[in-house]
Protein backbone atom coordinates (compact mmCIF):
# COMPACT_ATOMS: atom_id res chain seq x y z
CA MET A 1 34.04 -52.34 -100.94
CA LEU A 2 34.07 -51.50 -97.37
CA SER A 3 33.22 -54.47 -95.11
CA ARG A 4 33.54 -54.68 -91.29
CA LYS A 5 33.89 -58.41 -91.59
CA ASN A 6 36.81 -57.88 -93.85
CA ALA A 7 38.26 -55.43 -91.67
CA PHE A 8 38.35 -57.38 -88.45
CA GLU A 9 39.84 -60.38 -90.31
CA LYS A 10 42.73 -58.20 -91.24
CA ILE A 11 42.93 -56.79 -87.99
CA ASN A 12 43.01 -60.17 -86.13
CA GLN A 13 45.53 -61.44 -88.71
CA THR A 14 47.93 -58.43 -88.36
CA GLN A 15 50.59 -58.46 -85.57
CA GLN A 16 52.02 -54.85 -86.12
CA TRP A 17 50.79 -52.01 -88.36
CA ASP A 18 53.17 -49.70 -89.88
CA VAL A 19 50.69 -46.82 -89.33
CA VAL A 20 47.58 -46.39 -87.22
CA VAL A 21 45.46 -43.39 -87.95
CA ILE A 22 42.98 -42.06 -85.27
CA GLY A 23 40.21 -40.13 -86.93
CA GLY A 24 38.23 -40.56 -90.08
CA GLY A 25 37.57 -37.08 -91.47
CA ALA A 26 39.21 -35.58 -94.56
CA THR A 27 42.96 -35.64 -93.22
CA GLY A 28 42.84 -39.15 -91.64
CA LEU A 29 41.19 -40.52 -94.66
CA GLY A 30 43.82 -38.69 -96.85
CA ILE A 31 46.65 -40.27 -94.78
CA ALA A 32 44.96 -43.76 -95.01
CA VAL A 33 45.16 -43.21 -98.95
CA ASP A 34 48.64 -42.15 -99.02
CA ALA A 35 49.92 -44.79 -96.62
CA ALA A 36 48.06 -47.62 -98.66
CA GLN A 37 49.35 -46.27 -101.89
CA ARG A 38 52.91 -46.30 -100.49
CA GLY A 39 52.48 -49.81 -99.43
CA PHE A 40 52.40 -49.63 -96.02
CA LYS A 41 50.26 -51.52 -93.45
CA ILE A 42 47.63 -49.10 -92.40
CA LEU A 43 44.72 -49.07 -90.02
CA LEU A 44 42.43 -46.01 -89.62
CA LEU A 45 39.97 -45.89 -86.69
CA GLU A 46 36.99 -43.52 -86.26
CA LYS A 47 34.87 -43.44 -83.20
CA ASN A 48 31.70 -42.42 -85.07
CA ASP A 49 31.12 -42.41 -88.91
CA PHE A 50 33.42 -41.33 -91.40
CA ALA A 51 33.33 -37.63 -92.01
CA LYS A 52 30.73 -37.33 -89.02
CA GLY A 53 32.40 -34.11 -87.74
CA THR A 54 33.74 -30.91 -89.46
CA SER A 55 34.43 -32.74 -92.65
CA SER A 56 30.67 -33.11 -93.40
CA ARG A 57 29.92 -29.42 -92.62
CA SER A 58 31.65 -27.39 -95.09
CA THR A 59 30.41 -24.62 -97.50
CA LYS A 60 31.11 -27.43 -100.22
CA LEU A 61 33.90 -25.34 -101.99
CA VAL A 62 37.19 -26.50 -103.12
CA HIS A 63 39.08 -23.18 -103.11
CA GLY A 64 42.17 -21.34 -102.82
CA GLY A 65 40.71 -18.93 -100.29
CA VAL A 66 40.04 -15.43 -101.87
CA ARG A 67 40.12 -14.04 -98.07
CA TYR A 68 43.39 -15.43 -97.25
CA LEU A 69 44.75 -13.43 -100.29
CA ALA A 70 43.44 -10.29 -98.78
CA GLN A 71 44.98 -11.32 -95.48
CA GLY A 72 48.58 -11.64 -97.31
CA ASN A 73 48.83 -15.27 -96.71
CA ILE A 74 50.13 -15.93 -100.32
CA LYS A 75 51.65 -19.20 -99.42
CA LEU A 76 48.51 -20.90 -98.28
CA VAL A 77 46.46 -19.46 -101.32
CA ILE A 78 49.24 -20.83 -103.77
CA GLU A 79 49.07 -24.42 -102.06
CA ALA A 80 45.38 -24.47 -101.84
CA LEU A 81 44.90 -23.41 -105.53
CA ARG A 82 47.31 -26.24 -106.54
CA GLU A 83 45.71 -28.74 -104.38
CA ARG A 84 42.23 -27.49 -105.72
CA GLY A 85 43.42 -28.60 -109.33
CA PHE A 86 44.46 -31.95 -107.97
CA MET A 87 41.15 -32.59 -106.24
CA LEU A 88 39.07 -31.74 -109.29
CA ASN A 89 41.32 -33.87 -111.60
CA ASN A 90 41.50 -36.85 -109.16
CA ALA A 91 37.56 -37.09 -108.44
CA PRO A 92 35.61 -35.54 -111.49
CA HIS A 93 32.46 -37.59 -110.19
CA LEU A 94 32.48 -35.47 -107.00
CA THR A 95 33.69 -32.24 -108.06
CA LYS A 96 32.97 -29.56 -110.64
CA VAL A 97 33.99 -25.86 -111.64
CA GLN A 98 31.60 -23.27 -110.01
CA ASN A 99 31.34 -19.49 -111.41
CA PHE A 100 31.01 -16.92 -108.72
CA ILE A 101 29.95 -13.25 -109.00
CA ILE A 102 30.77 -10.49 -106.59
CA PRO A 103 28.41 -7.69 -106.87
CA VAL A 104 29.96 -4.14 -106.40
CA TYR A 105 28.34 -0.93 -105.29
CA SER A 106 31.39 1.44 -106.01
CA TYR A 107 33.79 1.59 -108.88
CA PHE A 108 36.73 1.50 -106.56
CA ASP A 109 35.60 -2.08 -105.13
CA LYS A 110 35.22 -3.21 -108.73
CA TRP A 111 38.85 -2.67 -109.39
CA PHE A 112 39.85 -3.51 -106.04
CA TYR A 113 38.39 -7.09 -106.32
CA ALA A 114 39.13 -7.45 -109.83
CA ILE A 115 42.87 -6.93 -109.27
CA GLY A 116 42.86 -9.40 -106.30
CA LEU A 117 41.17 -11.95 -108.41
CA PHE A 118 43.25 -11.45 -111.32
CA LEU A 119 46.16 -12.32 -108.93
CA TYR A 120 44.22 -15.15 -107.62
CA ASP A 121 44.07 -16.59 -111.33
CA LEU A 122 47.85 -15.75 -111.86
CA LEU A 123 48.73 -17.84 -108.63
CA SER A 124 46.66 -20.71 -109.93
CA GLY A 125 49.10 -21.27 -112.85
CA LYS A 126 48.25 -23.96 -115.18
CA LEU A 127 45.73 -25.13 -112.87
CA SER A 128 43.61 -21.95 -113.34
CA LEU A 129 39.83 -22.91 -113.91
CA ALA A 130 38.57 -19.77 -115.71
CA ARG A 131 39.61 -16.09 -116.25
CA THR A 132 38.37 -13.39 -114.03
CA LYS A 133 35.93 -11.01 -115.68
CA LEU A 134 34.69 -7.47 -115.06
CA LEU A 135 31.07 -7.28 -115.55
CA SER A 136 28.62 -4.41 -116.25
CA LYS A 137 25.43 -3.97 -114.11
CA LYS A 138 23.25 -5.31 -116.94
CA SER A 139 25.47 -8.46 -117.16
CA VAL A 140 25.24 -8.96 -113.39
CA LEU A 141 21.45 -8.89 -113.55
CA GLN A 142 21.25 -11.10 -116.21
CA LYS A 143 23.31 -13.90 -114.46
CA ILE A 144 21.86 -13.18 -110.91
CA PRO A 145 18.40 -11.54 -111.47
CA SER A 146 17.72 -11.45 -107.61
CA VAL A 147 20.62 -9.39 -106.59
CA HIS A 148 19.88 -6.02 -105.17
CA ALA A 149 20.05 -3.71 -108.04
CA LYS A 150 20.16 -0.34 -106.38
CA ARG A 151 23.44 1.62 -106.87
CA LEU A 152 24.94 -1.54 -108.32
CA ARG A 153 27.97 -0.67 -110.48
CA GLY A 154 28.48 -4.18 -111.86
CA GLY A 155 30.64 -7.01 -110.51
CA VAL A 156 33.62 -9.44 -110.99
CA SER A 157 33.21 -13.07 -112.08
CA TYR A 158 35.59 -15.73 -111.05
CA ALA A 159 35.75 -19.59 -110.80
CA ASP A 160 36.53 -22.06 -108.06
CA GLY A 161 35.58 -25.57 -107.22
CA GLN A 162 32.65 -27.23 -105.75
CA PHE A 163 32.35 -30.81 -104.30
CA ASN A 164 30.30 -33.24 -102.22
CA ASP A 165 32.39 -33.15 -98.93
CA VAL A 166 30.90 -36.46 -97.57
CA ARG A 167 30.91 -38.41 -100.67
CA PHE A 168 34.40 -37.39 -101.25
CA SER A 169 35.24 -38.77 -97.65
CA ILE A 170 33.62 -42.02 -98.65
CA SER A 171 35.56 -42.15 -101.86
CA LEU A 172 38.77 -41.65 -99.88
CA ALA A 173 37.75 -44.64 -97.56
CA LEU A 174 36.96 -46.95 -100.74
CA THR A 175 40.28 -45.85 -102.16
CA ALA A 176 42.37 -46.63 -99.16
CA ASN A 177 40.55 -50.07 -98.94
CA ASP A 178 41.27 -50.73 -102.83
CA LEU A 179 44.84 -50.18 -102.10
CA GLY A 180 44.85 -52.54 -99.19
CA GLY A 181 44.41 -50.32 -96.22
CA VAL A 182 41.87 -51.12 -93.42
CA VAL A 183 39.44 -48.36 -92.45
CA LEU A 184 36.86 -48.87 -89.76
CA ASN A 185 34.16 -46.74 -88.48
CA TYR A 186 32.51 -46.99 -84.83
CA ALA A 187 35.85 -47.88 -83.48
CA ASN A 188 36.73 -45.76 -80.44
CA VAL A 189 40.27 -45.32 -79.38
CA VAL A 190 40.19 -45.29 -75.57
CA GLY A 191 44.02 -45.60 -74.79
CA LEU A 192 47.62 -45.39 -76.27
CA ILE A 193 50.03 -48.17 -75.69
CA LYS A 194 53.83 -47.30 -74.76
CA THR A 195 56.96 -49.45 -74.70
CA GLU A 196 59.75 -47.58 -73.15
CA GLU A 197 57.81 -44.36 -72.98
CA LYS A 198 57.22 -44.47 -76.95
CA ILE A 199 53.92 -45.20 -78.66
CA SER A 200 53.72 -48.70 -79.69
CA GLY A 201 49.98 -48.97 -80.27
CA VAL A 202 46.32 -48.18 -79.37
CA GLN A 203 43.45 -49.87 -77.63
CA PHE A 204 39.89 -49.36 -79.24
CA ILE A 205 36.49 -50.52 -78.52
CA ASP A 206 34.22 -51.74 -81.41
CA GLU A 207 31.17 -49.71 -80.67
CA VAL A 208 28.90 -52.26 -82.44
CA SER A 209 29.99 -55.42 -80.21
CA ASN A 210 31.60 -53.58 -77.39
CA ALA A 211 34.62 -55.73 -77.79
CA ALA A 212 37.96 -54.41 -76.95
CA TYR A 213 41.07 -54.67 -79.14
CA ILE A 214 44.87 -54.03 -78.63
CA ILE A 215 46.57 -52.70 -81.85
CA HIS A 216 50.34 -52.78 -82.12
CA ALA A 217 51.82 -50.30 -84.36
CA LYS A 218 55.04 -48.66 -85.33
CA SER A 219 53.55 -45.11 -85.68
CA VAL A 220 50.29 -43.52 -84.54
CA ILE A 221 48.91 -40.44 -86.16
CA ASN A 222 46.33 -38.10 -84.14
CA ALA A 223 44.10 -36.74 -87.02
CA THR A 224 40.91 -36.09 -84.94
CA GLY A 225 40.35 -32.49 -85.81
CA VAL A 226 38.87 -30.34 -83.03
CA PHE A 227 39.18 -33.36 -80.74
CA VAL A 228 43.14 -33.62 -81.05
CA ASP A 229 43.51 -32.33 -77.54
CA GLU A 230 41.64 -35.43 -76.17
CA ILE A 231 44.30 -37.79 -77.75
CA LEU A 232 47.22 -35.41 -76.83
CA ASP A 233 45.77 -35.87 -73.05
CA MET A 234 45.83 -39.47 -73.43
CA ASP A 235 49.49 -39.10 -74.32
CA ASP A 236 50.40 -36.49 -71.82
CA ALA A 237 47.88 -34.98 -69.52
CA SER A 238 50.26 -32.11 -69.14
CA SER A 239 50.23 -31.23 -72.89
CA PRO A 240 49.11 -27.54 -73.74
CA ALA A 241 45.98 -27.39 -75.88
CA ALA A 242 46.76 -27.50 -79.74
CA VAL A 243 43.40 -26.25 -80.98
CA MET A 244 41.24 -22.99 -80.72
CA PRO A 245 37.77 -24.11 -81.86
CA SER A 246 35.69 -21.73 -84.03
CA GLN A 247 32.18 -22.57 -85.13
CA GLY A 248 30.83 -21.87 -88.56
CA ILE A 249 27.15 -22.47 -89.57
CA HIS A 250 25.17 -22.88 -92.83
CA LEU A 251 21.48 -22.31 -93.75
CA VAL A 252 20.01 -24.02 -96.68
CA VAL A 253 17.01 -22.75 -98.32
CA ASP A 254 15.13 -23.50 -101.67
CA ARG A 255 16.39 -22.35 -105.12
CA LYS A 256 13.45 -20.22 -105.51
CA PHE A 257 15.15 -17.64 -103.38
CA PHE A 258 18.27 -17.82 -105.63
CA THR A 259 17.64 -19.29 -108.87
CA SER A 260 21.02 -18.43 -110.66
CA ASP A 261 23.58 -21.02 -111.45
CA TYR A 262 26.26 -18.69 -110.44
CA ALA A 263 27.21 -18.31 -106.70
CA LEU A 264 27.14 -15.19 -105.04
CA MET A 265 30.18 -13.95 -103.01
CA ILE A 266 29.54 -11.25 -100.33
CA PRO A 267 32.80 -9.71 -99.78
CA LYS A 268 32.27 -7.68 -96.76
CA THR A 269 30.52 -8.81 -93.38
CA LYS A 270 30.49 -7.45 -89.87
CA ASP A 271 33.02 -10.13 -88.57
CA GLY A 272 35.60 -9.84 -91.35
CA ARG A 273 34.57 -12.93 -93.29
CA VAL A 274 33.20 -13.34 -96.82
CA LEU A 275 29.72 -14.93 -97.21
CA PHE A 276 28.50 -17.21 -99.96
CA ALA A 277 25.25 -18.30 -101.46
CA VAL A 278 26.21 -21.39 -103.46
CA PRO A 279 23.79 -23.48 -105.52
CA TRP A 280 24.06 -27.19 -104.37
CA GLN A 281 21.72 -30.18 -104.83
CA ASN A 282 18.73 -28.21 -106.07
CA HIS A 283 19.16 -25.86 -103.01
CA VAL A 284 21.08 -22.99 -102.01
CA VAL A 285 23.69 -23.12 -98.98
CA LEU A 286 24.34 -19.85 -97.40
CA GLY A 287 27.46 -19.34 -94.93
CA THR A 288 29.38 -19.16 -93.22
CA THR A 289 30.05 -17.72 -89.83
CA ASP A 290 33.08 -17.58 -87.69
CA THR A 291 32.16 -17.65 -83.89
CA PRO A 292 34.99 -18.52 -81.19
CA ILE A 293 33.47 -21.14 -78.86
CA HIS A 294 34.88 -22.97 -75.57
CA SER A 295 33.28 -26.34 -75.73
CA ILE A 296 33.31 -28.98 -78.52
CA SER A 297 30.64 -31.69 -79.26
CA ASP A 298 29.84 -34.07 -81.95
CA GLU A 299 26.71 -32.11 -82.87
CA PRO A 300 27.47 -28.31 -82.45
CA ILE A 301 24.31 -26.15 -82.44
CA ALA A 302 23.83 -22.99 -84.46
CA LEU A 303 23.73 -19.90 -82.20
CA GLU A 304 20.66 -17.51 -82.68
CA GLU A 305 22.94 -14.71 -83.63
CA GLU A 306 24.73 -16.73 -86.25
CA ILE A 307 21.44 -17.69 -87.93
CA GLN A 308 20.28 -13.98 -87.83
CA PHE A 309 23.76 -12.87 -89.09
CA ILE A 310 23.45 -14.92 -92.25
CA ILE A 311 19.75 -13.98 -92.98
CA GLU A 312 20.40 -10.39 -92.61
CA HIS A 313 23.59 -10.26 -94.71
CA PHE A 314 22.00 -12.26 -97.55
CA ASN A 315 18.87 -10.18 -97.55
CA LEU A 316 21.05 -7.06 -97.80
CA TYR A 317 22.19 -8.40 -101.35
CA ASN A 318 19.28 -10.48 -102.56
CA ASP A 319 15.90 -8.89 -103.22
CA ARG A 320 14.11 -12.28 -102.93
CA LYS A 321 14.21 -12.09 -98.97
CA ILE A 322 14.30 -15.12 -96.63
CA LEU A 323 12.67 -15.45 -93.43
CA ARG A 324 13.69 -17.91 -90.63
CA SER A 325 10.62 -20.18 -91.69
CA ASP A 326 12.12 -20.49 -95.17
CA ILE A 327 15.23 -22.32 -93.68
CA LYS A 328 15.11 -26.08 -94.71
CA SER A 329 18.20 -27.00 -92.79
CA ILE A 330 20.81 -25.57 -90.33
CA TYR A 331 24.14 -27.16 -89.77
CA ALA A 332 27.12 -26.15 -87.75
CA GLY A 333 30.64 -27.31 -87.83
CA LEU A 334 33.86 -26.69 -85.70
CA ARG A 335 37.23 -25.72 -87.28
CA PRO A 336 40.24 -26.85 -85.56
CA LEU A 337 42.32 -23.56 -85.72
CA VAL A 338 45.82 -23.81 -84.49
CA LYS A 339 46.19 -22.30 -81.01
CA THR A 340 48.77 -19.59 -80.83
CA SER A 341 49.52 -16.96 -78.10
CA ASN A 342 48.55 -14.48 -80.82
CA ASN A 343 44.96 -15.77 -81.25
CA LYS A 344 42.57 -13.06 -80.68
CA ASN A 345 39.94 -13.21 -83.54
CA THR A 346 39.30 -16.48 -85.11
CA ALA A 347 38.21 -14.98 -88.37
CA LEU A 348 41.84 -13.75 -88.76
CA ALA A 349 43.39 -16.96 -87.38
CA SER A 350 45.69 -19.00 -89.90
CA ARG A 351 44.06 -21.79 -91.65
CA ASP A 352 47.71 -23.24 -92.11
CA HIS A 353 48.11 -26.76 -90.68
CA THR A 354 50.60 -27.71 -87.98
CA ILE A 355 52.34 -31.00 -87.07
CA ILE A 356 53.26 -31.78 -83.40
CA VAL A 357 55.49 -34.87 -82.86
CA SER A 358 55.54 -35.43 -78.99
CA LYS A 359 58.24 -37.06 -76.97
CA SER A 360 56.43 -40.34 -77.24
CA ASN A 361 56.48 -40.05 -81.17
CA LEU A 362 52.74 -39.42 -81.22
CA ILE A 363 52.14 -37.42 -84.34
CA THR A 364 49.28 -34.97 -84.35
CA ILE A 365 48.14 -32.87 -87.17
CA THR A 366 45.58 -30.09 -86.93
CA GLY A 367 44.42 -26.90 -88.70
CA GLY A 368 44.25 -26.70 -92.43
CA LYS A 369 41.20 -26.95 -94.65
CA TRP A 370 39.45 -29.25 -96.86
CA THR A 371 41.00 -28.44 -100.06
CA THR A 372 44.47 -28.98 -98.73
CA TYR A 373 43.71 -32.20 -97.16
CA ARG A 374 46.01 -34.31 -99.55
CA LYS A 375 49.03 -32.02 -98.73
CA MET A 376 48.21 -32.29 -95.09
CA ALA A 377 48.07 -36.18 -95.23
CA LYS A 378 51.42 -36.11 -97.14
CA ASP A 379 53.05 -34.08 -94.48
CA ALA A 380 51.78 -35.94 -91.44
CA LEU A 381 52.81 -39.46 -93.07
CA ASN A 382 56.15 -38.14 -93.86
CA ASN A 383 56.69 -37.49 -90.29
CA ALA A 384 55.39 -40.95 -89.25
CA VAL A 385 57.92 -42.35 -91.81
CA PHE A 386 60.61 -40.56 -90.12
CA VAL A 387 59.77 -41.21 -86.40
CA ALA A 388 59.10 -45.10 -87.35
CA LYS A 389 62.03 -45.43 -89.62
CA LEU A 390 59.79 -46.75 -92.33
CA PRO A 391 61.05 -47.15 -95.81
CA LYS A 392 61.37 -43.90 -97.72
CA ILE A 393 58.75 -44.08 -100.34
CA LYS A 394 57.81 -41.11 -102.39
CA CYS A 395 54.17 -39.92 -102.03
CA ALA A 396 52.20 -40.31 -105.30
CA THR A 397 48.61 -39.21 -104.42
CA ARG A 398 48.85 -35.98 -106.51
CA ASN A 399 47.64 -37.81 -109.58
CA LEU A 400 46.01 -40.73 -108.01
CA ARG A 401 42.44 -41.38 -109.38
CA LEU A 402 40.09 -41.81 -106.47
CA HIS A 403 37.27 -44.84 -106.31
CA GLY A 404 34.63 -44.35 -108.69
CA TYR A 405 36.66 -42.02 -110.97
CA GLN A 406 34.51 -41.20 -113.78
CA HIS A 407 33.67 -38.02 -115.97
CA ARG A 408 30.14 -36.50 -115.12
CA SER A 409 29.11 -36.56 -118.84
CA ASP A 410 29.27 -40.44 -118.75
CA MET A 411 26.78 -40.76 -115.87
CA HIS A 412 23.06 -40.84 -114.81
CA PRO A 413 22.76 -37.49 -113.11
CA SER A 414 20.88 -38.80 -110.00
CA LEU A 415 23.79 -41.35 -109.42
CA GLU A 416 26.94 -39.45 -110.47
CA ILE A 417 28.05 -39.32 -106.98
CA TYR A 418 28.96 -43.04 -107.17
CA GLY A 419 31.12 -42.69 -110.40
CA THR A 420 31.82 -46.32 -111.62
CA ASP A 421 29.79 -47.79 -108.88
CA ALA A 422 26.54 -46.44 -110.37
CA ARG A 423 26.34 -49.36 -112.85
CA GLN A 424 26.19 -51.79 -109.83
CA ILE A 425 23.43 -49.81 -108.35
CA GLU A 426 21.56 -49.43 -111.72
CA LYS A 427 21.85 -53.28 -111.96
CA MET A 428 20.20 -53.74 -108.70
CA MET A 429 17.16 -51.76 -109.77
CA GLN A 430 16.94 -53.62 -113.16
CA ALA A 431 16.78 -56.76 -111.31
CA ASP A 432 14.35 -55.67 -108.92
CA GLN A 433 12.07 -52.63 -110.07
CA SER A 434 10.91 -51.83 -106.67
CA LEU A 435 14.38 -50.77 -105.63
CA SER A 436 14.18 -47.80 -107.86
CA GLU A 437 11.33 -46.29 -105.72
CA LYS A 438 12.29 -43.08 -103.91
CA ILE A 439 12.65 -42.82 -100.23
CA HIS A 440 11.09 -39.48 -100.36
CA PRO A 441 9.15 -37.98 -103.34
CA ASP A 442 11.26 -34.65 -103.23
CA HIS A 443 14.64 -36.32 -103.20
CA GLN A 444 16.72 -38.67 -105.64
CA LEU A 445 17.51 -41.21 -102.85
CA THR A 446 16.31 -44.72 -103.66
CA LYS A 447 15.80 -47.92 -101.87
CA ALA A 448 18.61 -49.49 -104.00
CA GLU A 449 21.08 -46.75 -102.68
CA VAL A 450 20.08 -47.33 -98.99
CA ILE A 451 20.88 -51.06 -99.50
CA TRP A 452 24.19 -50.32 -101.42
CA HIS A 453 25.18 -47.85 -98.44
CA VAL A 454 24.69 -50.81 -95.83
CA ARG A 455 26.35 -53.54 -98.08
CA ASN A 456 29.35 -51.57 -99.41
CA GLU A 457 30.05 -48.36 -97.39
CA MET A 458 29.74 -49.46 -93.96
CA ALA A 459 26.58 -47.62 -92.98
CA LEU A 460 25.26 -48.89 -89.65
CA GLN A 461 22.73 -46.25 -88.44
CA VAL A 462 19.94 -44.35 -90.16
CA GLU A 463 21.95 -41.15 -89.64
CA ASP A 464 24.88 -42.83 -91.66
CA VAL A 465 22.44 -42.76 -94.63
CA LEU A 466 20.39 -39.63 -94.26
CA ALA A 467 23.05 -37.30 -93.12
CA ARG A 468 26.16 -38.58 -94.97
CA ARG A 469 25.80 -41.32 -97.52
CA SER A 470 23.04 -39.18 -98.99
CA ARG A 471 22.85 -35.50 -97.70
CA MET A 472 19.11 -35.34 -97.19
CA LEU A 473 19.38 -34.13 -93.40
CA PHE A 474 21.68 -31.23 -94.45
CA ILE A 475 19.38 -29.90 -97.29
CA ASP A 476 16.00 -30.74 -96.05
CA ALA A 477 15.61 -31.79 -92.45
CA GLN A 478 11.92 -32.24 -92.61
CA ALA A 479 12.09 -34.58 -95.34
CA ALA A 480 14.93 -36.59 -93.60
CA ILE A 481 12.68 -36.93 -90.63
CA SER A 482 9.68 -38.14 -92.97
CA SER A 483 12.29 -40.86 -94.31
CA THR A 484 13.41 -42.16 -91.29
CA ARG A 485 11.13 -45.24 -90.70
CA LYS A 486 11.57 -46.18 -94.37
CA VAL A 487 15.24 -46.23 -94.20
CA ALA A 488 15.37 -47.96 -90.85
CA GLU A 489 13.11 -50.91 -92.20
CA ILE A 490 15.37 -51.46 -95.15
CA MET A 491 18.54 -51.30 -93.18
CA ALA A 492 17.11 -53.80 -90.35
CA VAL A 493 16.62 -56.21 -93.20
CA GLU A 494 20.15 -55.88 -94.30
CA LEU A 495 21.69 -55.86 -90.77
CA GLY A 496 19.37 -58.54 -89.38
CA LYS A 497 17.97 -56.18 -86.90
CA ASP A 498 14.54 -56.34 -85.28
CA ALA A 499 11.62 -53.94 -84.83
CA GLU A 500 12.97 -52.71 -81.35
CA TRP A 501 15.97 -51.60 -83.32
CA VAL A 502 14.03 -49.90 -85.99
CA ALA A 503 11.94 -47.83 -83.24
CA GLN A 504 15.14 -47.07 -81.61
CA GLN A 505 16.54 -45.64 -84.61
CA VAL A 506 13.65 -43.77 -85.63
CA SER A 507 13.49 -42.21 -82.14
CA THR A 508 17.19 -41.36 -82.13
CA PHE A 509 17.43 -39.85 -85.60
CA ASP A 510 14.41 -37.83 -85.09
CA ASP A 511 15.68 -35.99 -81.91
CA LEU A 512 19.00 -35.46 -83.89
CA ALA A 513 17.10 -34.05 -87.19
CA ARG A 514 14.99 -31.67 -85.07
CA CYS A 515 18.12 -29.79 -84.24
CA TYR A 516 18.74 -29.20 -87.76
CA LEU A 517 15.27 -27.31 -88.19
CA PRO A 518 14.79 -23.61 -87.24
CA GLN A 519 13.29 -23.57 -83.79
């Protein structure tokens, strides 16, 4: 299990690491897993919590990208469809097949989308999830009763993957740890160390103790997403910007507005994107947008026009209209799109990833998407192996079962995200019945899980539990606010903190959570 004490023991005992990864999102954690699996000495450093940024703010889809097919990016679609299959196979406790319907209002559109999706299936090959089907108007209305029926000509159904993005990240961190790697959150890299103008390590600050550490490494990989330019500037202040950030937001509403188990895909929006309504954790996720922005932050804020854009488009296709007051949570994320001289519209910008190897041998990876995290990790690590002259060991993560691997049918539904770890949490509840008490009556999170998050998953702040180890903030911000003090008091006992710490955590999290509510 993840332990800061054990991590620092290994840090203090290791004179030189083979690979140091900066960034604890999907790509960085994927690199840590790959490197540990190959037997390298790997250290990952994340300045906040794991998956604090973009990796926690997705549409919760594991997909090839229907829109990329329409743009003609066949290479990316094929790669993503293959990786989709690997993700579903390697972590069945965190992934599942999700069926989608595209409602169509002209016969031309019906065949246009059907042909595209038949090709989508064909490109998936042996990893195809389900056959695309043409649906009659009656069939669409049976499957999605709330869809707008006037002039409806039927629809097209297809399948893609769905997952819990942060829990997948935590599983990657646990997997890297199981394989002998070291991952550490709240470890802020503040400098790069060079020997004869080549990267030879990093300096980081432990945000918990404020202690500074010097780490020596044969290779350093910059996998900090939208923040890659900050690390590139540490290496060379004259380096050009590598990322053009784009913001995407999601609205979360109650299932009563969209009761179908099918997800809705809206194929045409004003900005050229597709829009989804996806059932998730007994709620519905609506999104996303694509808005170019000029500044980046750990907590991006949804713009008013983005909120109205999603409400407007969802209400065009769904007869159970939503109002601003119906929104349970709003979350925004930033995409690290690769910057090129041709970037004019972020909706059309490529989602391919790119790797930069600087003169100092700093390896930077950016771009890409959640579904292709494993391939991105493989490519970045292969570059590290080359520049650091590490042993050439073949990547073997394609069929690597991630921590907690277990099929959903064998699990208690409320604990399925923990996979095989669920048994240990159940034992805690059996030993002390009070630990089975829910933190909030409308949500599944229990006292036992909060304790588990602190003891075994490096949760250090209330936000770590309510935003990421559980997803309460992202699906019901008001419920998360109501749960703050109870979670803080449980964590204080586990972490040896006092009443002042509890008060500070309550205040800090409440301020954060109010930004997730419609203003």
